[in-house]
Amino acid sequence: MSKRALVIYREIARLQPYLAALSAAGLDPVPAVAGPLASLSGFDGLVLVGGADVNPTRYGETRQPETETPDDERDAIEFALLEQAFERDLPVLAICRGLQLVNVFHGGSLIQHLNSSERHQRPEGDHGLPAHEVTILPGTVLCAIAGTPKWQVNSRHHQAVKTLGKGLRVSAVDTEDGTIEALERPDKRFVLAVQWHPEDQAPRDPEQAKIFQGFVAAVCRPVT
């Protein structure tokens, strides 16, 4: 029986690259629109994808002009799903907004608008092209997956981690400006969050496909 991961989304038009990357890695991804019926019952992992900015009230701040209109329903649903995943120690892969949500869930805060936002937002066009380099920290899950200290990654975000959430560790930073680019939670079976969009790079970049392969390996690994 194939392993299944729940993929929560809001915009169906942006969903296909995530599903394709997970399927190529050997997983059965099951998309579900963010809604009150979303549940991890019967699933082996959770994937959080890109989307609207997390409501700043969740980390004790007032919304700044650059921050997008919050999607409070999605914030609440994904918080609840993370709680379920951590209670069951299910593998979690979080991408872009997903990283920001994981950080806020753990009590961290966000930079609502990066001063270097242009570096982190490649102009519209080919989303699979890299925008900048990240440095991967040694001894992390991401380092074990990558097998190299540097990666060229794409980018399209204007927010980032400010205060790190409790229990999380940083696993990659922007080589030039130090922006936190990846997080993980070492006390769980597999919790990896990346700020870039590996689903767009994976079809032609075997390095970025490793992220999905690593997630699938964790999903398929027997629980001890």
Protein backbone atom coordinates (compact mmCIF):
# COMPACT_ATOMS: atom_id res chain seq x y z
CA MET A 1 0.00 0.00 0.00
CA SER A 2 1.47 3.36 -1.05
CA LYS A 3 2.17 6.06 1.52
CA ARG A 4 -0.05 9.12 1.43
CA ALA A 5 0.72 12.73 2.32
CA LEU A 6 -1.86 15.45 2.78
CA VAL A 7 -1.12 18.58 0.72
CA ILE A 8 -3.09 21.60 1.92
CA TYR A 9 -3.70 24.34 -0.62
CA ARG A 10 -5.78 27.42 -1.32
CA GLU A 11 -4.95 28.19 -4.96
CA ILE A 12 -5.42 25.16 -7.21
CA ALA A 13 -3.58 26.85 -10.10
CA ARG A 14 -0.31 26.65 -8.11
CA LEU A 15 -0.75 23.09 -6.88
CA GLN A 16 0.55 20.91 -9.73
CA PRO A 17 4.33 21.40 -9.24
CA TYR A 18 4.08 20.21 -5.62
CA LEU A 19 2.08 17.12 -6.59
CA ALA A 20 4.44 16.29 -9.44
CA ALA A 21 7.56 16.56 -7.27
CA LEU A 22 6.07 14.37 -4.53
CA SER A 23 4.82 11.79 -7.02
CA ALA A 24 8.21 11.66 -8.75
CA ALA A 25 9.78 10.89 -5.37
CA GLY A 26 7.46 7.92 -4.89
CA LEU A 27 4.69 9.29 -2.70
CA ASP A 28 0.93 9.47 -3.16
CA PRO A 29 0.10 13.16 -2.58
CA VAL A 30 -3.53 13.90 -1.73
CA PRO A 31 -4.52 17.55 -2.19
CA ALA A 32 -7.15 19.09 0.07
CA VAL A 33 -8.35 22.67 0.01
CA ALA A 34 -7.86 24.48 3.32
CA GLY A 35 -11.20 23.99 5.03
CA PRO A 36 -12.79 22.79 8.27
CA LEU A 37 -12.87 19.13 7.17
CA ALA A 38 -9.11 18.89 6.65
CA SER A 39 -7.67 16.11 8.81
CA LEU A 40 -4.55 13.95 8.96
CA SER A 41 -6.57 10.83 9.69
CA GLY A 42 -5.33 8.10 7.34
CA PHE A 43 -2.28 10.05 6.18
CA ASP A 44 1.43 9.37 6.66
CA GLY A 45 2.77 12.91 6.28
CA LEU A 46 1.87 16.58 5.88
CA VAL A 47 2.97 19.10 3.24
CA LEU A 48 2.42 22.84 3.70
CA VAL A 49 2.83 24.97 0.58
CA GLY A 50 3.08 28.63 -0.43
CA GLY A 51 0.37 31.24 -0.12
CA ALA A 52 -0.73 34.38 1.70
CA ASP A 53 1.21 35.94 4.58
CA VAL A 54 0.51 34.62 8.07
CA ASN A 55 -1.59 37.03 10.13
CA PRO A 56 0.86 39.11 12.22
CA THR A 57 -1.52 39.02 15.18
CA ARG A 58 -0.39 35.41 15.63
CA TYR A 59 3.06 36.66 16.60
CA GLY A 60 1.91 39.75 18.48
CA GLU A 61 2.40 42.42 15.81
CA THR A 62 0.23 44.89 13.92
CA ARG A 63 -0.09 44.32 10.20
CA GLN A 64 2.24 46.54 8.17
CA PRO A 65 1.22 48.03 4.79
CA GLU A 66 3.37 45.52 2.83
CA THR A 67 1.76 42.49 4.50
CA GLU A 68 -0.90 40.75 2.45
CA THR A 69 -4.51 40.39 3.55
CA PRO A 70 -4.47 37.46 6.01
CA ASP A 71 -6.25 34.17 5.39
CA ASP A 72 -7.30 33.50 8.97
CA GLU A 73 -9.18 30.31 8.14
CA ARG A 74 -6.12 28.78 6.49
CA ASP A 75 -3.85 29.88 9.35
CA ALA A 76 -6.13 28.18 11.87
CA ILE A 77 -6.50 24.98 9.83
CA GLU A 78 -2.79 24.59 9.23
CA PHE A 79 -2.02 25.28 12.89
CA ALA A 80 -4.44 22.47 13.80
CA LEU A 81 -2.88 20.11 11.25
CA LEU A 82 0.62 20.84 12.55
CA GLU A 83 -0.59 20.02 16.04
CA GLN A 84 -1.93 16.68 14.78
CA ALA A 85 1.28 15.93 12.89
CA PHE A 86 3.50 16.65 15.90
CA GLU A 87 1.27 14.62 18.23
CA ARG A 88 1.61 11.62 15.90
CA ASP A 89 5.23 12.39 14.94
CA LEU A 90 4.34 12.42 11.25
CA PRO A 91 6.91 13.80 8.80
CA VAL A 92 6.28 17.43 7.81
CA LEU A 93 7.60 19.24 4.74
CA ALA A 94 6.88 22.98 4.70
CA ILE A 95 7.61 25.29 1.77
CA CYS A 96 7.74 29.12 1.70
CA ARG A 97 4.63 30.23 3.65
CA GLY A 98 4.87 26.78 5.23
CA LEU A 99 8.23 27.68 6.79
CA GLN A 100 6.83 30.93 8.14
CA LEU A 101 3.81 29.15 9.59
CA VAL A 102 5.99 26.51 11.27
CA ASN A 103 8.10 29.26 12.86
CA VAL A 104 5.05 31.17 14.13
CA PHE A 105 3.48 27.92 15.40
CA HIS A 106 6.54 27.50 17.63
CA GLY A 107 6.28 31.03 19.02
CA GLY A 108 8.61 32.72 16.55
CA SER A 109 8.04 35.97 14.67
CA LEU A 110 8.49 37.20 11.10
CA ILE A 111 10.07 40.11 9.30
CA GLN A 112 6.98 41.50 7.60
CA HIS A 113 8.93 42.96 4.68
CA LEU A 114 12.57 42.32 3.87
CA ASN A 115 14.80 45.30 3.10
CA SER A 116 16.48 42.99 0.58
CA SER A 117 13.16 41.73 -0.81
CA GLU A 118 14.26 42.23 -4.43
CA ARG A 119 16.99 39.62 -3.93
CA HIS A 120 14.35 37.18 -2.73
CA GLN A 121 11.74 37.78 -5.43
CA ARG A 122 12.80 36.68 -8.90
CA PRO A 123 10.81 38.57 -11.55
CA GLU A 124 7.89 36.73 -13.11
CA GLY A 125 8.99 34.19 -15.67
CA ASP A 126 10.72 30.85 -15.21
CA HIS A 127 10.18 29.91 -11.57
CA GLY A 128 12.67 27.08 -11.89
CA LEU A 129 15.68 29.36 -12.31
CA PRO A 130 17.86 30.00 -9.23
CA ALA A 131 17.94 33.48 -7.71
CA HIS A 132 20.64 33.25 -5.04
CA GLU A 133 22.85 30.92 -3.04
CA VAL A 134 22.18 29.41 0.37
CA THR A 135 24.69 28.06 2.85
CA ILE A 136 23.61 24.79 4.46
CA LEU A 137 24.64 24.34 8.08
CA PRO A 138 26.63 21.20 8.98
CA GLY A 139 25.07 18.52 11.16
CA THR A 140 21.52 19.25 10.03
CA VAL A 141 18.92 17.08 8.31
CA LEU A 142 19.14 19.34 5.27
CA CYS A 143 22.91 18.89 5.15
CA ALA A 144 22.48 15.11 5.15
CA ILE A 145 19.98 15.41 2.31
CA ALA A 146 22.00 17.84 0.23
CA GLY A 147 25.47 16.36 0.76
CA THR A 148 26.97 19.77 -0.04
CA PRO A 149 27.39 23.07 1.86
CA LYS A 150 25.97 25.32 -0.86
CA TRP A 151 22.86 25.30 -3.04
CA GLN A 152 21.55 27.60 -5.73
CA VAL A 153 17.86 28.18 -5.04
CA ASN A 154 14.96 30.08 -6.55
CA SER A 155 13.09 32.65 -4.50
CA ARG A 156 9.79 34.55 -4.34
CA HIS A 157 9.10 35.75 -0.82
CA HIS A 158 9.09 39.14 0.87
CA GLN A 159 8.87 37.89 4.47
CA ALA A 160 11.27 35.79 6.53
CA VAL A 161 12.04 34.53 10.03
CA LYS A 162 12.82 37.25 12.58
CA THR A 163 12.76 35.48 15.96
CA LEU A 164 13.33 31.73 15.79
CA GLY A 165 10.57 29.57 17.23
CA LYS A 166 11.23 27.44 20.32
CA GLY A 167 12.60 23.98 19.58
CA LEU A 168 13.57 24.83 15.99
CA ARG A 169 17.05 25.09 14.52
CA VAL A 170 18.29 26.90 11.44
CA SER A 171 19.59 24.63 8.68
CA ALA A 172 20.30 27.12 5.85
CA VAL A 173 20.84 30.86 5.40
CA ASP A 174 21.24 33.17 2.42
CA THR A 175 24.98 33.26 1.77
CA GLU A 176 24.99 37.01 1.13
CA ASP A 177 22.46 38.65 3.48
CA GLY A 178 22.02 35.96 6.17
CA THR A 179 18.24 35.57 5.73
CA ILE A 180 17.11 32.30 7.31
CA GLU A 181 16.26 29.94 4.44
CA ALA A 182 15.55 26.60 6.13
CA LEU A 183 14.42 25.31 9.52
CA GLU A 184 13.98 21.92 11.12
CA ARG A 185 12.83 20.43 14.39
CA PRO A 186 15.41 17.91 15.59
CA ASP A 187 13.26 16.22 18.25
CA LYS A 188 10.81 14.90 15.63
CA ARG A 189 11.14 12.16 13.02
CA PHE A 190 11.29 14.65 10.14
CA VAL A 191 10.33 18.32 10.12
CA LEU A 192 11.97 20.32 7.34
CA ALA A 193 10.91 23.79 6.21
CA VAL A 194 12.49 25.68 3.31
CA GLN A 195 11.90 29.28 2.26
CA TRP A 196 12.42 28.70 -1.47
CA HIS A 197 10.33 26.64 -3.93
CA PRO A 198 12.08 23.32 -4.68
CA GLU A 199 8.97 22.02 -6.44
CA ASP A 200 9.69 24.39 -9.33
CA GLN A 201 13.37 23.44 -9.54
CA ALA A 202 13.02 19.67 -9.02
CA PRO A 203 11.93 18.71 -12.58
CA ARG A 204 15.35 19.69 -13.97
CA ASP A 205 17.52 20.02 -10.87
CA PRO A 206 18.31 16.68 -9.18
CA GLU A 207 19.67 18.56 -6.18
CA GLN A 208 16.28 20.07 -5.34
CA ALA A 209 14.52 16.76 -5.99
CA LYS A 210 16.52 15.43 -3.01
CA ILE A 211 14.27 17.42 -0.65
CA PHE A 212 11.21 15.46 -1.75
CA GLN A 213 13.15 12.19 -1.75
CA GLY A 214 14.26 12.88 1.81
CA PHE A 215 10.69 13.58 2.90
CA VAL A 216 9.43 10.40 1.23
CA ALA A 217 12.21 8.36 2.83
CA ALA A 218 11.12 9.66 6.24
CA VAL A 219 7.47 8.87 5.51
CA CYS A 220 8.37 5.30 4.49
CA ARG A 221 10.82 4.69 7.33
CA PRO A 222 9.42 2.31 9.99
CA VAL A 223 8.62 4.01 13.29
CA THR A 224 10.83 2.62 16.06
